[in-house]
Amino acid sequence: MKMGWFLLAFISLFLFAGVTLVQKHLLNLGIHPITFGLYLMAFAFIGFLLTAIVTKQNIIVPNIWIIFLILAGVLALFGNLAATYSFKLAENPGYTQAIISASGIVILFSSIFLFKSELTATKFIGVLLTTLGVILLGWK
């Protein structure tokens, strides 16, 4: 049975929520954000490596992809560091996560130009509501 993108995204919603809650718990216990990130990435790397081995995934990529993979790695590093420090400082990790999740707005508009994606009126209203929600979260 092949799962569609929406079901997979819905499953990842709960999995990433679990990561965030564990992260906030460990930060409250005193783990340093860099230590947390190091262990998270190390265990994720081991998981991906084992999955690649079990599924016999070819991990060789064209040379031109390497620059994009390095860029993604650098963005992930600093994005995770910023998120982890924000989780540590926020009284409720949901505030931070809501703002991070609004990255979908940046992705949506960038995708229109980069990948020729469409934006319907209904989806545009959703973007406006998301934007309003992020503004309200940051409002003092």
C-alpha atoms as a PDB file:
ATOM      1  CA  MET A   1       0.000   0.000   0.000  1.00  0.00           C
ATOM      2  CA  LYS A   2       1.440   3.341  -1.040  1.00  0.00           C
ATOM      3  CA  MET A   3       0.872   6.280   1.301  1.00  0.00           C
ATOM      4  CA  GLY A   4       0.118   9.674  -0.179  1.00  0.00           C
ATOM      5  CA  TRP A   5       1.920  12.871   0.741  1.00  0.00           C
ATOM      6  CA  PHE A   6      -0.840  14.082   3.069  1.00  0.00           C
ATOM      7  CA  LEU A   7      -0.880  10.943   5.217  1.00  0.00           C
ATOM      8  CA  LEU A   8       2.918  10.934   5.417  1.00  0.00           C
ATOM      9  CA  ALA A   9       2.906  14.624   6.393  1.00  0.00           C
ATOM     10  CA  PHE A  10       0.257  13.905   9.036  1.00  0.00           C
ATOM     11  CA  ILE A  11       2.349  11.077  10.503  1.00  0.00           C
ATOM     12  CA  SER A  12       5.436  13.317  10.532  1.00  0.00           C
ATOM     13  CA  LEU A  13       3.417  15.951  12.402  1.00  0.00           C
ATOM     14  CA  PHE A  14       3.166  13.621  15.410  1.00  0.00           C
ATOM     15  CA  LEU A  15       6.731  12.341  15.109  1.00  0.00           C
ATOM     16  CA  PHE A  16       8.233  15.847  15.020  1.00  0.00           C
ATOM     17  CA  ALA A  17       5.930  16.913  17.849  1.00  0.00           C
ATOM     18  CA  GLY A  18       7.436  14.066  19.864  1.00  0.00           C
ATOM     19  CA  VAL A  19      10.959  15.224  19.023  1.00  0.00           C
ATOM     20  CA  THR A  20      10.092  18.756  20.134  1.00  0.00           C
ATOM     21  CA  LEU A  21       8.607  17.592  23.445  1.00  0.00           C
ATOM     22  CA  VAL A  22      11.613  15.362  24.199  1.00  0.00           C
ATOM     23  CA  GLN A  23      13.915  18.236  23.226  1.00  0.00           C
ATOM     24  CA  LYS A  24      12.172  20.699  25.564  1.00  0.00           C
ATOM     25  CA  HIS A  25      12.237  18.141  28.398  1.00  0.00           C
ATOM     26  CA  LEU A  26      15.985  17.576  27.994  1.00  0.00           C
ATOM     27  CA  LEU A  27      16.633  21.315  27.725  1.00  0.00           C
ATOM     28  CA  ASN A  28      14.668  21.821  30.960  1.00  0.00           C
ATOM     29  CA  LEU A  29      16.864  19.148  32.554  1.00  0.00           C
ATOM     30  CA  GLY A  30      19.954  21.110  31.517  1.00  0.00           C
ATOM     31  CA  ILE A  31      21.288  19.549  28.315  1.00  0.00           C
ATOM     32  CA  HIS A  32      23.184  22.114  26.257  1.00  0.00           C
ATOM     33  CA  PRO A  33      21.559  22.861  22.874  1.00  0.00           C
ATOM     34  CA  ILE A  34      24.731  21.913  20.983  1.00  0.00           C
ATOM     35  CA  THR A  35      25.000  18.614  22.874  1.00  0.00           C
ATOM     36  CA  PHE A  36      21.369  17.867  22.092  1.00  0.00           C
ATOM     37  CA  GLY A  37      21.883  18.631  18.395  1.00  0.00           C
ATOM     38  CA  LEU A  38      25.013  16.499  18.235  1.00  0.00           C
ATOM     39  CA  TYR A  39      23.265  13.447  19.691  1.00  0.00           C
ATOM     40  CA  LEU A  40      20.128  14.020  17.616  1.00  0.00           C
ATOM     41  CA  MET A  41      22.084  14.201  14.378  1.00  0.00           C
ATOM     42  CA  ALA A  42      24.345  11.277  15.338  1.00  0.00           C
ATOM     43  CA  PHE A  43      21.407   8.977  16.068  1.00  0.00           C
ATOM     44  CA  ALA A  44      19.558  10.202  12.964  1.00  0.00           C
ATOM     45  CA  PHE A  45      22.695   9.523  10.869  1.00  0.00           C
ATOM     46  CA  ILE A  46      22.930   5.979  12.243  1.00  0.00           C
ATOM     47  CA  GLY A  47      19.229   5.460  11.498  1.00  0.00           C
ATOM     48  CA  PHE A  48      19.562   6.697   7.928  1.00  0.00           C
ATOM     49  CA  LEU A  49      22.714   4.632   7.393  1.00  0.00           C
ATOM     50  CA  LEU A  50      21.042   1.442   8.638  1.00  0.00           C
ATOM     51  CA  THR A  51      17.966   2.166   6.514  1.00  0.00           C
ATOM     52  CA  ALA A  52      20.163   2.678   3.444  1.00  0.00           C
ATOM     53  CA  ILE A  53      21.967  -0.605   4.113  1.00  0.00           C
ATOM     54  CA  VAL A  54      18.787  -2.609   4.723  1.00  0.00           C
ATOM     55  CA  THR A  55      17.024  -1.192   1.667  1.00  0.00           C
ATOM     56  CA  LYS A  56      20.206  -1.454  -0.433  1.00  0.00           C
ATOM     57  CA  GLN A  57      19.939   2.228  -1.306  1.00  0.00           C
ATOM     58  CA  ASN A  58      22.614   3.584  -3.624  1.00  0.00           C
ATOM     59  CA  ILE A  59      24.133   6.557  -1.775  1.00  0.00           C
ATOM     60  CA  ILE A  60      26.335   7.762  -4.625  1.00  0.00           C
ATOM     61  CA  VAL A  61      25.077  11.077  -6.021  1.00  0.00           C
ATOM     62  CA  PRO A  62      26.152  13.201  -8.992  1.00  0.00           C
ATOM     63  CA  ASN A  63      28.913  15.691  -8.166  1.00  0.00           C
ATOM     64  CA  ILE A  64      26.656  18.654  -8.958  1.00  0.00           C
ATOM     65  CA  TRP A  65      24.329  17.608  -6.104  1.00  0.00           C
ATOM     66  CA  ILE A  66      27.130  17.837  -3.515  1.00  0.00           C
ATOM     67  CA  ILE A  67      27.007  21.643  -3.320  1.00  0.00           C
ATOM     68  CA  PHE A  68      23.257  21.502  -2.668  1.00  0.00           C
ATOM     69  CA  LEU A  69      23.715  18.788  -0.034  1.00  0.00           C
ATOM     70  CA  ILE A  70      26.402  20.887   1.695  1.00  0.00           C
ATOM     71  CA  LEU A  71      24.090  23.911   1.570  1.00  0.00           C
ATOM     72  CA  ALA A  72      21.225  21.854   3.040  1.00  0.00           C
ATOM     73  CA  GLY A  73      23.542  20.594   5.779  1.00  0.00           C
ATOM     74  CA  VAL A  74      24.694  24.100   6.713  1.00  0.00           C
ATOM     75  CA  LEU A  75      21.105  25.395   6.707  1.00  0.00           C
ATOM     76  CA  ALA A  76      20.018  22.422   8.843  1.00  0.00           C
ATOM     77  CA  LEU A  77      22.860  23.032  11.304  1.00  0.00           C
ATOM     78  CA  PHE A  78      22.054  26.684  11.896  1.00  0.00           C
ATOM     79  CA  GLY A  79      18.296  26.136  11.685  1.00  0.00           C
ATOM     80  CA  ASN A  80      18.468  23.418  14.333  1.00  0.00           C
ATOM     81  CA  LEU A  81      20.726  25.509  16.556  1.00  0.00           C
ATOM     82  CA  ALA A  82      18.404  28.517  16.337  1.00  0.00           C
ATOM     83  CA  ALA A  83      15.356  26.322  16.992  1.00  0.00           C
ATOM     84  CA  THR A  84      16.971  24.555  19.948  1.00  0.00           C
ATOM     85  CA  TYR A  85      18.002  27.809  21.623  1.00  0.00           C
ATOM     86  CA  SER A  86      14.503  29.167  20.987  1.00  0.00           C
ATOM     87  CA  PHE A  87      12.918  26.029  22.508  1.00  0.00           C
ATOM     88  CA  LYS A  88      15.146  26.517  25.547  1.00  0.00           C
ATOM     89  CA  LEU A  89      14.072  30.152  25.999  1.00  0.00           C
ATOM     90  CA  ALA A  90      10.367  29.825  25.177  1.00  0.00           C
ATOM     91  CA  GLU A  91       8.008  29.053  28.031  1.00  0.00           C
ATOM     92  CA  ASN A  92       5.979  26.868  25.688  1.00  0.00           C
ATOM     93  CA  PRO A  93       7.774  25.034  22.855  1.00  0.00           C
ATOM     94  CA  GLY A  94       4.583  25.248  20.824  1.00  0.00           C
ATOM     95  CA  TYR A  95       5.191  28.957  20.282  1.00  0.00           C
ATOM     96  CA  THR A  96       8.559  28.298  18.715  1.00  0.00           C
ATOM     97  CA  GLN A  97       7.245  25.362  16.708  1.00  0.00           C
ATOM     98  CA  ALA A  98       4.350  27.401  15.338  1.00  0.00           C
ATOM     99  CA  ILE A  99       6.714  30.070  14.068  1.00  0.00           C
ATOM    100  CA  ILE A 100       9.078  27.468  12.592  1.00  0.00           C
ATOM    101  CA  SER A 101       6.135  25.762  10.897  1.00  0.00           C
ATOM    102  CA  ALA A 102       5.305  29.036   9.213  1.00  0.00           C
ATOM    103  CA  SER A 103       8.381  28.346   7.071  1.00  0.00           C
ATOM    104  CA  GLY A 104       5.788  26.714   4.854  1.00  0.00           C
ATOM    105  CA  ILE A 105       4.835  30.230   3.770  1.00  0.00           C
ATOM    106  CA  VAL A 106       8.386  30.930   2.585  1.00  0.00           C
ATOM    107  CA  ILE A 107       8.513  27.535   0.881  1.00  0.00           C
ATOM    108  CA  LEU A 108       5.125  28.049  -0.753  1.00  0.00           C
ATOM    109  CA  PHE A 109       5.987  31.395  -2.315  1.00  0.00           C
ATOM    110  CA  SER A 110       9.506  30.269  -3.264  1.00  0.00           C
ATOM    111  CA  SER A 111       8.062  27.157  -4.920  1.00  0.00           C
ATOM    112  CA  ILE A 112       5.834  29.273  -7.132  1.00  0.00           C
ATOM    113  CA  PHE A 113       8.940  30.832  -8.660  1.00  0.00           C
ATOM    114  CA  LEU A 114      11.401  27.938  -8.440  1.00  0.00           C
ATOM    115  CA  PHE A 115       9.137  24.991  -9.294  1.00  0.00           C
ATOM    116  CA  LYS A 116       6.190  26.687 -11.048  1.00  0.00           C
ATOM    117  CA  SER A 117       3.758  25.524  -8.332  1.00  0.00           C
ATOM    118  CA  GLU A 118       0.211  26.839  -8.239  1.00  0.00           C
ATOM    119  CA  LEU A 119      -1.428  28.898  -5.490  1.00  0.00           C
ATOM    120  CA  THR A 120      -5.222  28.694  -5.359  1.00  0.00           C
ATOM    121  CA  ALA A 121      -7.424  31.238  -3.591  1.00  0.00           C
ATOM    122  CA  THR A 122      -8.205  28.729  -0.819  1.00  0.00           C
ATOM    123  CA  LYS A 123      -4.537  28.026  -0.186  1.00  0.00           C
ATOM    124  CA  PHE A 124      -3.771  31.761  -0.234  1.00  0.00           C
ATOM    125  CA  ILE A 125      -6.379  32.294   2.508  1.00  0.00           C
ATOM    126  CA  GLY A 126      -4.652  29.539   4.504  1.00  0.00           C
ATOM    127  CA  VAL A 127      -1.330  31.350   4.092  1.00  0.00           C
ATOM    128  CA  LEU A 128      -2.894  34.607   5.310  1.00  0.00           C
ATOM    129  CA  LEU A 129      -4.352  32.876   8.383  1.00  0.00           C
ATOM    130  CA  THR A 130      -0.999  31.243   9.138  1.00  0.00           C
ATOM    131  CA  THR A 131       0.747  34.605   8.818  1.00  0.00           C
ATOM    132  CA  LEU A 132      -1.791  36.213  11.142  1.00  0.00           C
ATOM    133  CA  GLY A 133      -1.253  33.405  13.660  1.00  0.00           C
ATOM    134  CA  VAL A 134       2.522  33.912  13.667  1.00  0.00           C
ATOM    135  CA  ILE A 135       2.093  37.652  14.136  1.00  0.00           C
ATOM    136  CA  LEU A 136      -0.258  37.047  17.089  1.00  0.00           C
ATOM    137  CA  LEU A 137       2.225  34.616  18.684  1.00  0.00           C
ATOM    138  CA  GLY A 138       4.945  37.255  18.611  1.00  0.00           C
ATOM    139  CA  TRP A 139       2.673  40.074  19.788  1.00  0.00           C
ATOM    140  CA  LYS A 140       3.457  41.417  23.257  1.00  0.00           C
END
